[in-house]
Structure formats: C-alpha cells, structure tokens
Amino acid sequence: MKVIKLLLFVPFIGFLGFLPFANKIEPYVLGMPFLLFWVAFWMVLSSIILTIVYRFDPDNKGCDEK
C-alpha cells in the first residue's frame, strides 16, 4: 500500500474514533450544536483529504482512456 493512502484512515478515525468525545450539545460552534459541527467539519475535511490522495497517488498518473 502506498504511504499517501494511509491518509484515508484519518477521516475514519475522526468520525468514529473521537465521536464519543464529541457527543455533546454544548458548546455551540457557528450556531450549531457541537456534534453537528463535528460531523460537518469531518465531511469537509474528508473531501479535502480525498482530493489530496487523488492528486498525489502515483496510481493516478496515467492518461484517461475513452
């Protein structure tokens, strides 16, 4: 497995690993309860991480064939 693909475990750990610690209503962040903010934050961060893995993965360097 390529080292860059290890980044794919970060959202999994963030969503599920730390979810019990984030399971609270207070404090409100950006007008949202903390748990809702936590899930939205990891959704955005997951998209960014997937983009980084796609750009830097050596398996994606080939040309697109149609």
N, C-alpha and C. Protein backbone atom coordinates (compact mmCIF):
# COMPACT_ATOMS: atom_id res chain seq x y z
N MET A 1 0.85 -1.18 0.00
CA MET A 1 0.00 0.00 0.00
C MET A 1 0.89 1.24 0.00
N LYS A 2 0.49 2.21 -0.75
CA LYS A 2 1.24 3.46 -0.82
C LYS A 2 1.04 4.25 0.46
N VAL A 3 2.05 5.00 0.83
CA VAL A 3 2.01 5.78 2.07
C VAL A 3 0.93 6.85 2.01
N ILE A 4 0.71 7.45 0.85
CA ILE A 4 -0.28 8.51 0.72
C ILE A 4 -1.70 7.99 1.02
N LYS A 5 -1.92 6.70 0.77
CA LYS A 5 -3.25 6.13 1.00
C LYS A 5 -3.55 5.94 2.49
N LEU A 6 -2.53 6.04 3.32
CA LEU A 6 -2.75 5.96 4.76
C LEU A 6 -3.54 7.17 5.27
N LEU A 7 -3.53 8.26 4.50
CA LEU A 7 -4.33 9.42 4.87
C LEU A 7 -5.83 9.12 4.88
N LEU A 8 -6.22 8.08 4.18
CA LEU A 8 -7.64 7.73 4.11
C LEU A 8 -8.18 7.24 5.45
N PHE A 9 -7.30 6.86 6.36
CA PHE A 9 -7.73 6.42 7.68
C PHE A 9 -8.05 7.59 8.61
N VAL A 10 -7.55 8.77 8.29
CA VAL A 10 -7.76 9.95 9.15
C VAL A 10 -9.24 10.29 9.30
N PRO A 11 -10.04 10.39 8.22
CA PRO A 11 -11.46 10.68 8.41
C PRO A 11 -12.19 9.58 9.17
N PHE A 12 -11.82 8.33 8.94
CA PHE A 12 -12.45 7.22 9.64
C PHE A 12 -12.21 7.34 11.15
N ILE A 13 -10.98 7.63 11.52
CA ILE A 13 -10.66 7.78 12.93
C ILE A 13 -11.33 9.03 13.50
N GLY A 14 -11.38 10.10 12.72
CA GLY A 14 -12.01 11.32 13.20
C GLY A 14 -13.51 11.18 13.40
N PHE A 15 -14.17 10.52 12.44
CA PHE A 15 -15.61 10.33 12.55
C PHE A 15 -15.95 9.38 13.69
N LEU A 16 -15.40 8.19 13.65
CA LEU A 16 -15.84 7.15 14.57
C LEU A 16 -14.99 7.06 15.85
N GLY A 17 -13.71 7.32 15.74
CA GLY A 17 -12.84 7.17 16.89
C GLY A 17 -13.08 8.21 17.96
N PHE A 18 -13.30 9.45 17.55
CA PHE A 18 -13.47 10.52 18.52
C PHE A 18 -14.93 10.94 18.69
N LEU A 19 -15.84 10.24 18.06
CA LEU A 19 -17.25 10.60 18.17
C LEU A 19 -17.78 10.52 19.60
N PRO A 20 -17.41 9.53 20.39
CA PRO A 20 -17.91 9.53 21.78
C PRO A 20 -17.46 10.76 22.58
N PHE A 21 -16.31 11.31 22.26
CA PHE A 21 -15.83 12.51 22.96
C PHE A 21 -16.53 13.77 22.46
N ALA A 22 -17.05 13.73 21.25
CA ALA A 22 -17.71 14.90 20.67
C ALA A 22 -19.22 14.86 20.85
N ASN A 23 -19.74 13.82 21.47
CA ASN A 23 -21.18 13.63 21.62
C ASN A 23 -21.72 14.52 22.74
N LYS A 24 -21.83 15.81 22.45
CA LYS A 24 -22.40 16.75 23.41
C LYS A 24 -23.04 17.90 22.65
N ILE A 25 -23.92 18.58 23.30
CA ILE A 25 -24.62 19.69 22.66
C ILE A 25 -23.86 20.99 22.87
N GLU A 26 -23.40 21.23 24.06
CA GLU A 26 -22.65 22.45 24.37
C GLU A 26 -21.19 22.22 24.06
N PRO A 27 -20.44 23.09 23.59
CA PRO A 27 -20.72 24.47 23.20
C PRO A 27 -21.30 24.52 21.79
N TYR A 28 -21.90 25.62 21.48
CA TYR A 28 -22.39 25.86 20.12
C TYR A 28 -21.24 26.44 19.30
N VAL A 29 -21.04 25.91 18.11
CA VAL A 29 -20.00 26.39 17.21
C VAL A 29 -20.68 26.80 15.91
N LEU A 30 -20.51 28.04 15.53
CA LEU A 30 -21.14 28.59 14.34
C LEU A 30 -22.66 28.41 14.38
N GLY A 31 -23.23 28.49 15.56
CA GLY A 31 -24.68 28.36 15.73
C GLY A 31 -25.19 26.94 15.71
N MET A 32 -24.30 25.96 15.63
CA MET A 32 -24.70 24.55 15.59
C MET A 32 -24.29 23.88 16.89
N PRO A 33 -25.05 22.88 17.32
CA PRO A 33 -24.57 22.07 18.44
C PRO A 33 -23.23 21.42 18.07
N PHE A 34 -22.43 21.14 19.07
CA PHE A 34 -21.07 20.67 18.80
C PHE A 34 -21.05 19.39 17.96
N LEU A 35 -21.95 18.46 18.22
CA LEU A 35 -21.96 17.21 17.46
C LEU A 35 -22.25 17.45 15.99
N LEU A 36 -23.18 18.33 15.68
CA LEU A 36 -23.48 18.65 14.29
C LEU A 36 -22.29 19.33 13.63
N PHE A 37 -21.64 20.23 14.35
CA PHE A 37 -20.43 20.86 13.83
C PHE A 37 -19.34 19.83 13.58
N TRP A 38 -19.19 18.87 14.50
CA TRP A 38 -18.16 17.84 14.37
C TRP A 38 -18.35 17.02 13.09
N VAL A 39 -19.58 16.62 12.83
CA VAL A 39 -19.88 15.83 11.63
C VAL A 39 -19.66 16.66 10.37
N ALA A 40 -20.12 17.90 10.36
CA ALA A 40 -19.94 18.77 9.19
C ALA A 40 -18.46 19.06 8.95
N PHE A 41 -17.71 19.28 10.02
CA PHE A 41 -16.28 19.53 9.90
C PHE A 41 -15.56 18.35 9.27
N TRP A 42 -15.88 17.14 9.70
CA TRP A 42 -15.22 15.96 9.15
C TRP A 42 -15.67 15.65 7.73
N MET A 43 -16.86 16.03 7.36
CA MET A 43 -17.29 15.85 5.97
C MET A 43 -16.46 16.74 5.04
N VAL A 44 -16.26 17.99 5.44
CA VAL A 44 -15.44 18.90 4.64
C VAL A 44 -13.99 18.44 4.62
N LEU A 45 -13.46 18.07 5.79
CA LEU A 45 -12.08 17.62 5.86
C LEU A 45 -11.86 16.33 5.08
N SER A 46 -12.85 15.45 5.06
CA SER A 46 -12.75 14.21 4.28
C SER A 46 -12.65 14.50 2.79
N SER A 47 -13.40 15.48 2.31
CA SER A 47 -13.31 15.86 0.90
C SER A 47 -11.93 16.40 0.56
N ILE A 48 -11.38 17.20 1.45
CA ILE A 48 -10.04 17.74 1.23
C ILE A 48 -9.00 16.62 1.22
N ILE A 49 -9.11 15.69 2.15
CA ILE A 49 -8.16 14.58 2.21
C ILE A 49 -8.28 13.70 0.98
N LEU A 50 -9.49 13.43 0.53
CA LEU A 50 -9.66 12.63 -0.69
C LEU A 50 -9.06 13.32 -1.91
N THR A 51 -9.17 14.64 -1.98
CA THR A 51 -8.56 15.39 -3.08
C THR A 51 -7.04 15.28 -3.03
N ILE A 52 -6.47 15.39 -1.84
CA ILE A 52 -5.01 15.27 -1.69
C ILE A 52 -4.55 13.88 -2.10
N VAL A 53 -5.26 12.85 -1.68
CA VAL A 53 -4.87 11.48 -2.04
C VAL A 53 -4.98 11.28 -3.54
N TYR A 54 -6.03 11.79 -4.15
CA TYR A 54 -6.19 11.65 -5.60
C TYR A 54 -5.07 12.35 -6.36
N ARG A 55 -4.69 13.54 -5.92
CA ARG A 55 -3.65 14.31 -6.63
C ARG A 55 -2.27 13.68 -6.51
N PHE A 56 -1.95 13.14 -5.33
CA PHE A 56 -0.59 12.68 -5.08
C PHE A 56 -0.40 11.18 -5.17
N ASP A 57 -1.46 10.44 -5.45
CA ASP A 57 -1.33 8.99 -5.59
C ASP A 57 -0.66 8.67 -6.92
N PRO A 58 0.43 7.93 -6.88
CA PRO A 58 1.13 7.61 -8.14
C PRO A 58 0.32 6.72 -9.08
N ASP A 59 -0.68 6.02 -8.58
CA ASP A 59 -1.52 5.17 -9.44
C ASP A 59 -2.41 5.99 -10.36
N ASN A 60 -2.61 7.27 -10.07
CA ASN A 60 -3.48 8.13 -10.89
C ASN A 60 -2.72 8.92 -11.94
N LYS A 61 -1.48 8.59 -12.19
CA LYS A 61 -0.67 9.38 -13.13
C LYS A 61 -0.88 9.01 -14.59
N GLY A 62 -1.63 7.94 -14.87
CA GLY A 62 -1.86 7.53 -16.26
C GLY A 62 -2.84 8.46 -16.95
N CYS A 63 -2.87 8.38 -18.28
CA CYS A 63 -3.81 9.21 -19.02
C CYS A 63 -5.18 8.54 -19.04
N ASP A 64 -6.21 9.34 -19.18
CA ASP A 64 -7.57 8.81 -19.24
C ASP A 64 -7.84 8.27 -20.62
N GLU A 65 -8.29 7.03 -20.69
CA GLU A 65 -8.61 6.42 -21.97
C GLU A 65 -10.11 6.34 -22.09
N LYS A 66 -10.62 6.73 -23.27
CA LYS A 66 -12.07 6.69 -23.51
C LYS A 66 -12.38 5.84 -24.68
